[in-house]
Amino acid sequence: MNKIDIINQVIQERRSTYPAQFSDIPVKNEIILQMLQNANTAPNHAKTQPWRFVVFTGEGLKKLADFQSEFYKKNTAEDKFNQNTYEKLQENPLKASHIIAIGMKRQETGKIPEIEEVEAVACAVQNMYLTAQAYEIGAYWGSGGVTYNEKAKDFFGLGNDDKLLGFFYVGNIAKESPISIKKPLEDVVKWVTE
């Protein structure tokens, strides 16, 4: 296969694999490092490299699970508290081999629009997704739990102007996800030729 065929195949076969579909066989740290290296090459305006990643594995997964579940318990009104949500926050991290917290470090001058910094982080995460697909391991970008709560950012080393954009779950695949069916190209593309 040439490079064009390989990249087309990797992109077109990329899919999300959820924590319940992971096996208990850990992913090698070398693969995670390659994912992060590829993330670090993503395009970004003015070379700000706004992505920030915190990798949880081993006992670190338990630390993340405890933080998220207890944060939810402490910051949820009693009448809104859901025991099932609490338990999922405790259990789901332990199903992954690694979880990478995804942060956006806001440029101090604010010269680059914030949305462009968020977009750059999304490009970095897509690079991780494609790397996972190439290695035939599972990955899922989730934005649940504490993701958008301003009070949670400090735990991940993020400041007031930064953003927590979710968690990238990684694991070896026990159960494959089907390839999703997308809308036809003509439904989402308009050509202007004159």
N, C-alpha and C. Protein backbone atom coordinates (compact mmCIF):
# COMPACT_ATOMS: atom_id res chain seq x y z
N MET A 1 0.84 -1.20 0.00
CA MET A 1 0.00 0.00 0.00
C MET A 1 0.88 1.25 0.00
N ASN A 2 0.44 2.27 -0.74
CA ASN A 2 1.16 3.53 -0.69
C ASN A 2 0.60 4.40 0.44
N LYS A 3 1.25 5.52 0.70
CA LYS A 3 0.85 6.38 1.82
C LYS A 3 -0.59 6.87 1.68
N ILE A 4 -1.01 7.18 0.47
CA ILE A 4 -2.37 7.69 0.27
C ILE A 4 -3.40 6.62 0.65
N ASP A 5 -3.17 5.40 0.21
CA ASP A 5 -4.10 4.31 0.54
C ASP A 5 -4.11 4.06 2.05
N ILE A 6 -2.94 4.11 2.67
CA ILE A 6 -2.85 3.85 4.11
C ILE A 6 -3.60 4.92 4.89
N ILE A 7 -3.35 6.20 4.59
CA ILE A 7 -4.01 7.27 5.36
C ILE A 7 -5.51 7.26 5.12
N ASN A 8 -5.93 7.00 3.88
CA ASN A 8 -7.37 6.92 3.61
C ASN A 8 -8.01 5.79 4.41
N GLN A 9 -7.35 4.65 4.48
CA GLN A 9 -7.90 3.52 5.23
C GLN A 9 -7.96 3.85 6.72
N VAL A 10 -6.90 4.41 7.27
CA VAL A 10 -6.88 4.74 8.70
C VAL A 10 -7.99 5.74 9.04
N ILE A 11 -8.13 6.77 8.22
CA ILE A 11 -9.16 7.79 8.48
C ILE A 11 -10.56 7.19 8.37
N GLN A 12 -10.80 6.44 7.32
CA GLN A 12 -12.14 5.91 7.08
C GLN A 12 -12.55 4.81 8.05
N GLU A 13 -11.58 4.12 8.64
CA GLU A 13 -11.89 3.07 9.60
C GLU A 13 -11.89 3.56 11.05
N ARG A 14 -11.50 4.81 11.27
CA ARG A 14 -11.45 5.34 12.63
C ARG A 14 -12.85 5.34 13.24
N ARG A 15 -12.92 4.91 14.48
CA ARG A 15 -14.19 4.89 15.19
C ARG A 15 -13.94 5.04 16.68
N SER A 16 -14.99 5.35 17.41
CA SER A 16 -14.89 5.41 18.86
C SER A 16 -15.12 4.03 19.43
N THR A 17 -14.31 3.68 20.41
CA THR A 17 -14.47 2.44 21.16
C THR A 17 -14.65 2.84 22.62
N TYR A 18 -15.75 2.46 23.21
CA TYR A 18 -16.12 2.92 24.54
C TYR A 18 -15.51 2.04 25.64
N PRO A 19 -15.37 2.57 26.84
CA PRO A 19 -14.72 1.83 27.92
C PRO A 19 -15.27 0.41 28.15
N ALA A 20 -16.56 0.22 27.99
CA ALA A 20 -17.14 -1.11 28.19
C ALA A 20 -16.66 -2.11 27.14
N GLN A 21 -16.08 -1.62 26.05
CA GLN A 21 -15.60 -2.49 24.97
C GLN A 21 -14.12 -2.83 25.10
N PHE A 22 -13.45 -2.27 26.11
CA PHE A 22 -12.02 -2.51 26.28
C PHE A 22 -11.75 -3.86 26.94
N SER A 23 -10.63 -4.45 26.59
CA SER A 23 -10.16 -5.64 27.29
C SER A 23 -9.38 -5.20 28.53
N ASP A 24 -8.96 -6.16 29.34
CA ASP A 24 -8.17 -5.81 30.52
C ASP A 24 -6.67 -5.86 30.25
N ILE A 25 -6.29 -6.02 28.99
CA ILE A 25 -4.87 -6.02 28.62
C ILE A 25 -4.42 -4.57 28.43
N PRO A 26 -3.42 -4.12 29.17
CA PRO A 26 -3.02 -2.71 29.05
C PRO A 26 -2.34 -2.39 27.72
N VAL A 27 -2.51 -1.15 27.30
CA VAL A 27 -1.81 -0.63 26.13
C VAL A 27 -0.40 -0.25 26.57
N LYS A 28 0.58 -0.51 25.73
CA LYS A 28 1.96 -0.17 26.07
C LYS A 28 2.14 1.34 26.15
N ASN A 29 2.90 1.78 27.14
CA ASN A 29 3.18 3.21 27.29
C ASN A 29 3.82 3.81 26.05
N GLU A 30 4.60 3.00 25.31
CA GLU A 30 5.26 3.49 24.09
C GLU A 30 4.23 3.94 23.06
N ILE A 31 3.10 3.24 23.00
CA ILE A 31 2.04 3.63 22.06
C ILE A 31 1.41 4.95 22.51
N ILE A 32 1.19 5.09 23.81
CA ILE A 32 0.63 6.35 24.33
C ILE A 32 1.58 7.50 24.03
N LEU A 33 2.87 7.28 24.22
CA LEU A 33 3.85 8.33 23.91
C LEU A 33 3.82 8.70 22.43
N GLN A 34 3.65 7.71 21.55
CA GLN A 34 3.55 8.01 20.12
C GLN A 34 2.29 8.81 19.82
N MET A 35 1.19 8.46 20.47
CA MET A 35 -0.06 9.21 20.31
C MET A 35 0.15 10.67 20.70
N LEU A 36 0.83 10.88 21.83
CA LEU A 36 1.06 12.24 22.32
C LEU A 36 2.03 13.00 21.40
N GLN A 37 3.03 12.29 20.89
CA GLN A 37 3.96 12.92 19.95
C GLN A 37 3.21 13.37 18.70
N ASN A 38 2.33 12.53 18.20
CA ASN A 38 1.55 12.90 17.02
C ASN A 38 0.58 14.03 17.33
N ALA A 39 0.03 14.03 18.52
CA ALA A 39 -0.84 15.14 18.94
C ALA A 39 -0.07 16.45 18.93
N ASN A 40 1.17 16.38 19.36
CA ASN A 40 2.01 17.57 19.49
C ASN A 40 2.38 18.19 18.14
N THR A 41 2.09 17.49 17.05
CA THR A 41 2.40 18.02 15.71
C THR A 41 1.19 18.65 15.04
N ALA A 42 0.10 18.78 15.76
CA ALA A 42 -1.13 19.31 15.16
C ALA A 42 -0.95 20.77 14.74
N PRO A 43 -1.71 21.20 13.72
CA PRO A 43 -1.63 22.60 13.32
C PRO A 43 -2.19 23.51 14.39
N ASN A 44 -1.57 24.68 14.55
CA ASN A 44 -2.08 25.66 15.52
C ASN A 44 -1.58 27.04 15.13
N HIS A 45 -2.44 28.02 15.30
CA HIS A 45 -2.15 29.39 14.92
C HIS A 45 -1.04 29.97 15.81
N ALA A 46 -0.07 30.59 15.20
CA ALA A 46 1.03 31.28 15.90
C ALA A 46 1.87 30.34 16.76
N LYS A 47 1.80 29.06 16.48
CA LYS A 47 2.62 28.06 17.20
C LYS A 47 2.43 28.12 18.72
N THR A 48 1.21 28.32 19.14
CA THR A 48 0.93 28.42 20.58
C THR A 48 0.91 27.06 21.27
N GLN A 49 0.70 25.99 20.51
CA GLN A 49 0.58 24.64 21.07
C GLN A 49 -0.27 24.65 22.35
N PRO A 50 -1.56 24.96 22.22
CA PRO A 50 -2.40 25.16 23.40
C PRO A 50 -2.82 23.89 24.12
N TRP A 51 -2.55 22.72 23.52
CA TRP A 51 -2.97 21.47 24.15
C TRP A 51 -2.13 21.19 25.40
N ARG A 52 -2.83 20.66 26.38
CA ARG A 52 -2.18 20.19 27.60
C ARG A 52 -2.81 18.85 27.93
N PHE A 53 -1.97 17.86 28.24
CA PHE A 53 -2.46 16.52 28.50
C PHE A 53 -1.96 16.02 29.85
N VAL A 54 -2.84 15.35 30.58
CA VAL A 54 -2.47 14.67 31.82
C VAL A 54 -2.84 13.20 31.61
N VAL A 55 -1.85 12.31 31.71
CA VAL A 55 -2.07 10.89 31.44
C VAL A 55 -2.27 10.15 32.76
N PHE A 56 -3.38 9.43 32.86
CA PHE A 56 -3.68 8.61 34.03
C PHE A 56 -3.59 7.15 33.62
N THR A 57 -2.86 6.35 34.39
CA THR A 57 -2.77 4.91 34.16
C THR A 57 -2.44 4.25 35.49
N GLY A 58 -2.57 2.94 35.55
CA GLY A 58 -2.30 2.23 36.80
C GLY A 58 -3.15 2.78 37.93
N GLU A 59 -2.51 3.06 39.07
CA GLU A 59 -3.22 3.61 40.22
C GLU A 59 -3.74 5.02 39.95
N GLY A 60 -3.17 5.68 38.95
CA GLY A 60 -3.65 7.00 38.56
C GLY A 60 -5.10 6.99 38.10
N LEU A 61 -5.54 5.88 37.51
CA LEU A 61 -6.94 5.76 37.08
C LEU A 61 -7.87 5.80 38.28
N LYS A 62 -7.46 5.16 39.37
CA LYS A 62 -8.26 5.18 40.61
C LYS A 62 -8.30 6.60 41.18
N LYS A 63 -7.19 7.29 41.09
CA LYS A 63 -7.14 8.68 41.57
C LYS A 63 -8.12 9.55 40.78
N LEU A 64 -8.15 9.37 39.45
CA LEU A 64 -9.09 10.12 38.63
C LEU A 64 -10.53 9.74 38.96
N ALA A 65 -10.80 8.44 39.10
CA ALA A 65 -12.15 7.97 39.43
C ALA A 65 -12.62 8.55 40.76
N ASP A 66 -11.75 8.52 41.76
CA ASP A 66 -12.10 9.07 43.07
C ASP A 66 -12.36 10.56 42.99
N PHE A 67 -11.48 11.27 42.26
CA PHE A 67 -11.66 12.72 42.14
C PHE A 67 -13.00 13.04 41.49
N GLN A 68 -13.28 12.41 40.35
CA GLN A 68 -14.51 12.75 39.62
C GLN A 68 -15.76 12.41 40.41
N SER A 69 -15.79 11.22 41.00
CA SER A 69 -17.00 10.81 41.71
C SER A 69 -17.23 11.66 42.96
N GLU A 70 -16.17 11.93 43.71
CA GLU A 70 -16.33 12.75 44.91
C GLU A 70 -16.62 14.21 44.57
N PHE A 71 -16.05 14.69 43.49
CA PHE A 71 -16.35 16.05 43.02
C PHE A 71 -17.83 16.16 42.66
N TYR A 72 -18.33 15.16 41.95
CA TYR A 72 -19.75 15.13 41.59
C TYR A 72 -20.62 15.12 42.85
N LYS A 73 -20.26 14.29 43.82
CA LYS A 73 -21.04 14.17 45.05
C LYS A 73 -21.06 15.49 45.82
N LYS A 74 -19.90 16.12 45.90
CA LYS A 74 -19.76 17.36 46.67
C LYS A 74 -20.44 18.55 45.98
N ASN A 75 -20.46 18.55 44.66
CA ASN A 75 -20.94 19.71 43.91
C ASN A 75 -22.31 19.53 43.26
N THR A 76 -23.04 18.51 43.69
CA THR A 76 -24.37 18.27 43.15
C THR A 76 -25.39 18.39 44.28
N ALA A 77 -26.42 19.16 44.02
CA ALA A 77 -27.48 19.31 45.02
C ALA A 77 -28.11 17.95 45.31
N GLU A 78 -28.53 17.76 46.55
CA GLU A 78 -29.05 16.46 46.99
C GLU A 78 -30.20 15.98 46.11
N ASP A 79 -31.09 16.90 45.71
CA ASP A 79 -32.24 16.49 44.90
C ASP A 79 -31.86 16.20 43.44
N LYS A 80 -30.65 16.56 43.01
CA LYS A 80 -30.18 16.30 41.65
C LYS A 80 -29.18 15.13 41.60
N PHE A 81 -28.73 14.71 42.77
CA PHE A 81 -27.71 13.65 42.84
C PHE A 81 -28.28 12.33 42.31
N ASN A 82 -27.49 11.66 41.47
CA ASN A 82 -27.89 10.38 40.88
C ASN A 82 -26.83 9.34 41.24
N GLN A 83 -27.24 8.33 41.99
CA GLN A 83 -26.30 7.30 42.43
C GLN A 83 -25.66 6.57 41.25
N ASN A 84 -26.42 6.36 40.18
CA ASN A 84 -25.91 5.69 38.99
C ASN A 84 -24.78 6.49 38.35
N THR A 85 -24.95 7.81 38.28
CA THR A 85 -23.91 8.69 37.73
C THR A 85 -22.65 8.60 38.59
N TYR A 86 -22.84 8.66 39.89
CA TYR A 86 -21.72 8.55 40.83
C TYR A 86 -20.94 7.25 40.60
N GLU A 87 -21.66 6.15 40.47
CA GLU A 87 -21.01 4.84 40.27
C GLU A 87 -20.29 4.76 38.93
N LYS A 88 -20.87 5.35 37.89
CA LYS A 88 -20.20 5.36 36.58
C LYS A 88 -18.90 6.15 36.65
N LEU A 89 -18.92 7.26 37.37
CA LEU A 89 -17.69 8.06 37.52
C LEU A 89 -16.63 7.28 38.29
N GLN A 90 -17.05 6.38 39.17
CA GLN A 90 -16.13 5.52 39.91
C GLN A 90 -15.61 4.37 39.05
N GLU A 91 -16.48 3.81 38.21
CA GLU A 91 -16.16 2.56 37.50
C GLU A 91 -15.54 2.75 36.11
N ASN A 92 -16.05 3.70 35.33
CA ASN A 92 -15.61 3.81 33.94
C ASN A 92 -14.10 4.06 33.78
N PRO A 93 -13.49 4.91 34.58
CA PRO A 93 -12.04 5.09 34.42
C PRO A 93 -11.25 3.80 34.61
N LEU A 94 -11.75 2.90 35.45
CA LEU A 94 -11.02 1.67 35.74
C LEU A 94 -11.11 0.65 34.60
N LYS A 95 -11.97 0.92 33.62
CA LYS A 95 -12.10 0.04 32.46
C LYS A 95 -11.05 0.34 31.39
N ALA A 96 -10.41 1.50 31.48
CA ALA A 96 -9.44 1.93 30.48
C ALA A 96 -8.03 1.53 30.88
N SER A 97 -7.17 1.43 29.89
CA SER A 97 -5.75 1.23 30.14
C SER A 97 -5.11 2.56 30.53
N HIS A 98 -5.47 3.60 29.79
CA HIS A 98 -4.98 4.96 30.02
C HIS A 98 -6.14 5.92 29.78
N ILE A 99 -6.15 7.01 30.51
CA ILE A 99 -7.06 8.11 30.22
C ILE A 99 -6.22 9.38 30.14
N ILE A 100 -6.41 10.12 29.07
CA ILE A 100 -5.66 11.36 28.87
C ILE A 100 -6.63 12.53 29.03
N ALA A 101 -6.44 13.31 30.09
CA ALA A 101 -7.24 14.51 30.27
C ALA A 101 -6.79 15.52 29.22
N ILE A 102 -7.76 16.14 28.56
CA ILE A 102 -7.49 17.06 27.45
C ILE A 102 -7.74 18.49 27.92
N GLY A 103 -6.69 19.29 27.93
CA GLY A 103 -6.82 20.68 28.34
C GLY A 103 -6.41 21.64 27.23
N MET A 104 -6.93 22.85 27.31
CA MET A 104 -6.53 23.93 26.42
C MET A 104 -5.94 25.05 27.27
N LYS A 105 -4.67 25.32 27.08
CA LYS A 105 -3.96 26.38 27.81
C LYS A 105 -4.13 27.68 27.03
N ARG A 106 -4.82 28.61 27.62
CA ARG A 106 -5.10 29.89 26.95
C ARG A 106 -3.85 30.73 26.90
N GLN A 107 -3.59 31.26 25.73
CA GLN A 107 -2.45 32.15 25.50
C GLN A 107 -2.64 33.41 26.37
N GLU A 108 -1.57 33.83 27.05
CA GLU A 108 -1.69 34.94 28.00
C GLU A 108 -2.08 36.24 27.34
N THR A 109 -1.57 36.52 26.15
CA THR A 109 -1.89 37.79 25.49
C THR A 109 -3.31 37.83 24.95
N GLY A 110 -3.90 36.66 24.72
CA GLY A 110 -5.24 36.61 24.15
C GLY A 110 -5.29 37.03 22.69
N LYS A 111 -4.13 37.13 22.06
CA LYS A 111 -4.07 37.56 20.66
C LYS A 111 -4.81 36.60 19.73
N ILE A 112 -4.64 35.31 19.97
CA ILE A 112 -5.30 34.30 19.16
C ILE A 112 -6.70 34.08 19.73
N PRO A 113 -7.75 34.13 18.90
CA PRO A 113 -9.10 33.89 19.41
C PRO A 113 -9.19 32.52 20.11
N GLU A 114 -9.92 32.49 21.21
CA GLU A 114 -10.03 31.26 22.00
C GLU A 114 -10.52 30.09 21.15
N ILE A 115 -11.47 30.32 20.26
CA ILE A 115 -12.01 29.24 19.45
C ILE A 115 -10.91 28.58 18.62
N GLU A 116 -9.93 29.36 18.17
CA GLU A 116 -8.84 28.79 17.38
C GLU A 116 -7.93 27.91 18.23
N GLU A 117 -7.82 28.24 19.49
CA GLU A 117 -7.04 27.40 20.40
C GLU A 117 -7.78 26.08 20.66
N VAL A 118 -9.10 26.16 20.83
CA VAL A 118 -9.91 24.95 21.02
C VAL A 118 -9.83 24.08 19.76
N GLU A 119 -9.91 24.70 18.60
CA GLU A 119 -9.83 23.96 17.34
C GLU A 119 -8.48 23.25 17.19
N ALA A 120 -7.42 23.91 17.62
CA ALA A 120 -6.09 23.31 17.56
C ALA A 120 -6.02 22.07 18.45
N VAL A 121 -6.62 22.15 19.64
CA VAL A 121 -6.65 20.99 20.54
C VAL A 121 -7.44 19.86 19.89
N ALA A 122 -8.55 20.19 19.23
CA ALA A 122 -9.34 19.16 18.55
C ALA A 122 -8.51 18.48 17.46
N CYS A 123 -7.69 19.25 16.76
CA CYS A 123 -6.81 18.64 15.75
C CYS A 123 -5.81 17.69 16.42
N ALA A 124 -5.30 18.08 17.57
CA ALA A 124 -4.35 17.23 18.29
C ALA A 124 -5.03 15.93 18.72
N VAL A 125 -6.27 16.03 19.18
CA VAL A 125 -6.99 14.83 19.60
C VAL A 125 -7.28 13.93 18.38
N GLN A 126 -7.60 14.54 17.25
CA GLN A 126 -7.81 13.73 16.04
C GLN A 126 -6.53 12.97 15.67
N ASN A 127 -5.38 13.60 15.85
CA ASN A 127 -4.13 12.90 15.60
C ASN A 127 -3.98 11.69 16.54
N MET A 128 -4.42 11.85 17.80
CA MET A 128 -4.37 10.71 18.73
C MET A 128 -5.33 9.62 18.28
N TYR A 129 -6.53 10.02 17.86
CA TYR A 129 -7.52 9.05 17.37
C TYR A 129 -6.96 8.24 16.20
N LEU A 130 -6.35 8.93 15.25
CA LEU A 130 -5.82 8.25 14.07
C LEU A 130 -4.65 7.33 14.43
N THR A 131 -3.84 7.76 15.38
CA THR A 131 -2.73 6.92 15.84
C THR A 131 -3.28 5.66 16.50
N ALA A 132 -4.29 5.82 17.33
CA ALA A 132 -4.92 4.66 17.97
C ALA A 132 -5.45 3.69 16.91
N GLN A 133 -6.10 4.23 15.88
CA GLN A 133 -6.62 3.39 14.81
C GLN A 133 -5.50 2.64 14.10
N ALA A 134 -4.41 3.34 13.83
CA ALA A 134 -3.28 2.71 13.15
C ALA A 134 -2.70 1.56 13.98
N TYR A 135 -2.70 1.71 15.31
CA TYR A 135 -2.20 0.66 16.19
C TYR A 135 -3.28 -0.40 16.50
N GLU A 136 -4.49 -0.16 15.98
CA GLU A 136 -5.62 -1.07 16.21
C GLU A 136 -5.97 -1.20 17.69
N ILE A 137 -5.93 -0.06 18.37
CA ILE A 137 -6.39 -0.01 19.76
C ILE A 137 -7.62 0.90 19.83
N GLY A 138 -8.37 0.77 20.90
CA GLY A 138 -9.59 1.54 21.06
C GLY A 138 -9.35 2.89 21.70
N ALA A 139 -10.18 3.86 21.30
CA ALA A 139 -10.09 5.20 21.87
C ALA A 139 -11.46 5.88 21.82
N TYR A 140 -11.67 6.77 22.76
CA TYR A 140 -12.95 7.48 22.87
C TYR A 140 -12.71 8.82 23.56
N TRP A 141 -13.18 9.90 22.92
CA TRP A 141 -13.11 11.23 23.51
C TRP A 141 -14.45 11.51 24.17
N GLY A 142 -14.46 11.52 25.49
CA GLY A 142 -15.68 11.80 26.24
C GLY A 142 -15.61 13.15 26.92
N SER A 143 -16.77 13.80 27.03
CA SER A 143 -16.79 15.12 27.67
C SER A 143 -17.75 15.14 28.86
N GLY A 144 -17.95 13.99 29.46
CA GLY A 144 -18.83 13.93 30.62
C GLY A 144 -18.08 14.22 31.92
N GLY A 145 -18.71 13.81 33.01
CA GLY A 145 -18.07 13.98 34.31
C GLY A 145 -17.85 15.43 34.67
N VAL A 146 -16.62 15.77 35.02
CA VAL A 146 -16.29 17.11 35.51
C VAL A 146 -15.85 18.06 34.39
N THR A 147 -15.94 17.63 33.15
CA THR A 147 -15.32 18.35 32.04
C THR A 147 -15.57 19.85 32.04
N TYR A 148 -16.78 20.29 32.12
CA TYR A 148 -17.06 21.72 31.95
C TYR A 148 -17.28 22.46 33.26
N ASN A 149 -16.90 21.85 34.36
CA ASN A 149 -17.04 22.52 35.65
C ASN A 149 -15.75 23.29 35.95
N GLU A 150 -15.90 24.59 36.07
CA GLU A 150 -14.75 25.48 36.29
C GLU A 150 -13.94 25.09 37.53
N LYS A 151 -14.62 24.59 38.56
CA LYS A 151 -13.95 24.26 39.82
C LYS A 151 -13.04 23.03 39.70
N ALA A 152 -13.20 22.25 38.63
CA ALA A 152 -12.42 21.02 38.47
C ALA A 152 -11.07 21.27 37.81
N LYS A 153 -10.89 22.42 37.18
CA LYS A 153 -9.71 22.65 36.35
C LYS A 153 -8.39 22.56 37.11
N ASP A 154 -8.38 23.00 38.34
CA ASP A 154 -7.14 23.03 39.12
C ASP A 154 -6.53 21.63 39.27
N PHE A 155 -7.37 20.62 39.42
CA PHE A 155 -6.90 19.24 39.56
C PHE A 155 -6.05 18.81 38.36
N PHE A 156 -6.32 19.40 37.21
CA PHE A 156 -5.62 19.04 35.97
C PHE A 156 -4.54 20.05 35.59
N GLY A 157 -4.22 20.94 36.52
CA GLY A 157 -3.15 21.90 36.29
C GLY A 157 -3.54 23.03 35.35
N LEU A 158 -4.83 23.32 35.25
CA LEU A 158 -5.31 24.35 34.35
C LEU A 158 -5.69 25.61 35.13
N GLY A 159 -5.45 26.75 34.52
CA GLY A 159 -5.75 28.03 35.15
C GLY A 159 -7.14 28.55 34.81
N ASN A 160 -7.44 29.74 35.31
CA ASN A 160 -8.77 30.32 35.15
C ASN A 160 -9.20 30.49 33.70
N ASP A 161 -8.28 30.88 32.83
CA ASP A 161 -8.63 31.13 31.43
C ASP A 161 -8.51 29.90 30.55
N ASP A 162 -8.04 28.80 31.12
CA ASP A 162 -7.87 27.56 30.37
C ASP A 162 -9.19 26.79 30.33
N LYS A 163 -9.22 25.75 29.53
CA LYS A 163 -10.43 24.92 29.41
C LYS A 163 -10.07 23.45 29.58
N LEU A 164 -10.92 22.72 30.27
CA LEU A 164 -10.87 21.27 30.29
C LEU A 164 -11.84 20.81 29.22
N LEU A 165 -11.36 20.05 28.22
CA LEU A 165 -12.17 19.70 27.06
C LEU A 165 -12.57 18.23 27.03
N GLY A 166 -12.29 17.49 28.09
CA GLY A 166 -12.73 16.12 28.15
C GLY A 166 -11.62 15.14 28.43
N PHE A 167 -11.93 13.87 28.16
CA PHE A 167 -11.03 12.78 28.49
C PHE A 167 -10.94 11.81 27.32
N PHE A 168 -9.72 11.40 27.02
CA PHE A 168 -9.47 10.47 25.93
C PHE A 168 -9.17 9.11 26.54
N TYR A 169 -10.16 8.22 26.46
CA TYR A 169 -10.04 6.87 27.01
C TYR A 169 -9.33 5.98 26.00
N VAL A 170 -8.37 5.18 26.44
CA VAL A 170 -7.61 4.30 25.55
C VAL A 170 -7.56 2.90 26.15
N GLY A 171 -7.75 1.90 25.30
CA GLY A 171 -7.66 0.53 25.75
C GLY A 171 -7.56 -0.43 24.58
N ASN A 172 -7.10 -1.62 24.86
CA ASN A 172 -7.14 -2.66 23.83
C ASN A 172 -8.59 -3.08 23.63
N ILE A 173 -8.92 -3.46 22.41
CA ILE A 173 -10.31 -3.72 22.04
C ILE A 173 -10.69 -5.17 22.32
N ALA A 174 -11.77 -5.34 23.09
CA ALA A 174 -12.35 -6.67 23.28
C ALA A 174 -13.55 -6.84 22.35
N LYS A 175 -14.28 -5.75 22.11
CA LYS A 175 -15.46 -5.79 21.24
C LYS A 175 -15.40 -4.60 20.28
N GLU A 176 -15.33 -4.89 18.99
CA GLU A 176 -15.22 -3.85 17.96
C GLU A 176 -16.49 -3.01 17.87
N SER A 177 -16.32 -1.76 17.50
CA SER A 177 -17.44 -0.89 17.16
C SER A 177 -17.69 -1.00 15.66
N PRO A 178 -18.94 -0.93 15.25
CA PRO A 178 -19.18 -0.92 13.81
C PRO A 178 -18.74 0.42 13.22
N ILE A 179 -18.40 0.39 11.95
CA ILE A 179 -18.09 1.65 11.26
C ILE A 179 -19.39 2.43 11.13
N SER A 180 -19.37 3.69 11.55
CA SER A 180 -20.59 4.47 11.52
C SER A 180 -20.94 4.88 10.09
N ILE A 181 -22.22 4.99 9.85
CA ILE A 181 -22.72 5.40 8.53
C ILE A 181 -22.84 6.91 8.53
N LYS A 182 -22.17 7.55 7.61
CA LYS A 182 -22.19 9.01 7.50
C LYS A 182 -23.16 9.43 6.40
N LYS A 183 -23.60 10.68 6.44
CA LYS A 183 -24.41 11.23 5.37
C LYS A 183 -23.60 11.22 4.08
N PRO A 184 -24.27 11.11 2.93
CA PRO A 184 -23.54 11.19 1.67
C PRO A 184 -22.83 12.53 1.54
N LEU A 185 -21.70 12.53 0.87
CA LEU A 185 -20.90 13.73 0.71
C LEU A 185 -21.70 14.89 0.13
N GLU A 186 -22.59 14.59 -0.81
CA GLU A 186 -23.38 15.67 -1.45
C GLU A 186 -24.33 16.36 -0.46
N ASP A 187 -24.61 15.72 0.69
CA ASP A 187 -25.45 16.35 1.71
C ASP A 187 -24.69 17.35 2.57
N VAL A 188 -23.37 17.29 2.55
CA VAL A 188 -22.59 18.15 3.45
C VAL A 188 -21.57 19.03 2.73
N VAL A 189 -21.50 18.94 1.41
CA VAL A 189 -20.53 19.73 0.65
C VAL A 189 -21.24 20.51 -0.45
N LYS A 190 -20.85 21.76 -0.59
CA LYS A 190 -21.34 22.59 -1.68
C LYS A 190 -20.13 23.10 -2.46
N TRP A 191 -20.15 22.92 -3.76
CA TRP A 191 -19.07 23.40 -4.63
C TRP A 191 -19.49 24.72 -5.25
N VAL A 192 -18.63 25.69 -5.21
CA VAL A 192 -18.85 26.98 -5.89
C VAL A 192 -17.79 27.08 -6.98
N THR A 193 -18.22 27.04 -8.22
CA THR A 193 -17.27 27.01 -9.33
C THR A 193 -17.33 28.25 -10.22
N GLU A 194 -18.28 29.11 -10.01
CA GLU A 194 -18.39 30.33 -10.83
C GLU A 194 -18.66 31.54 -9.97
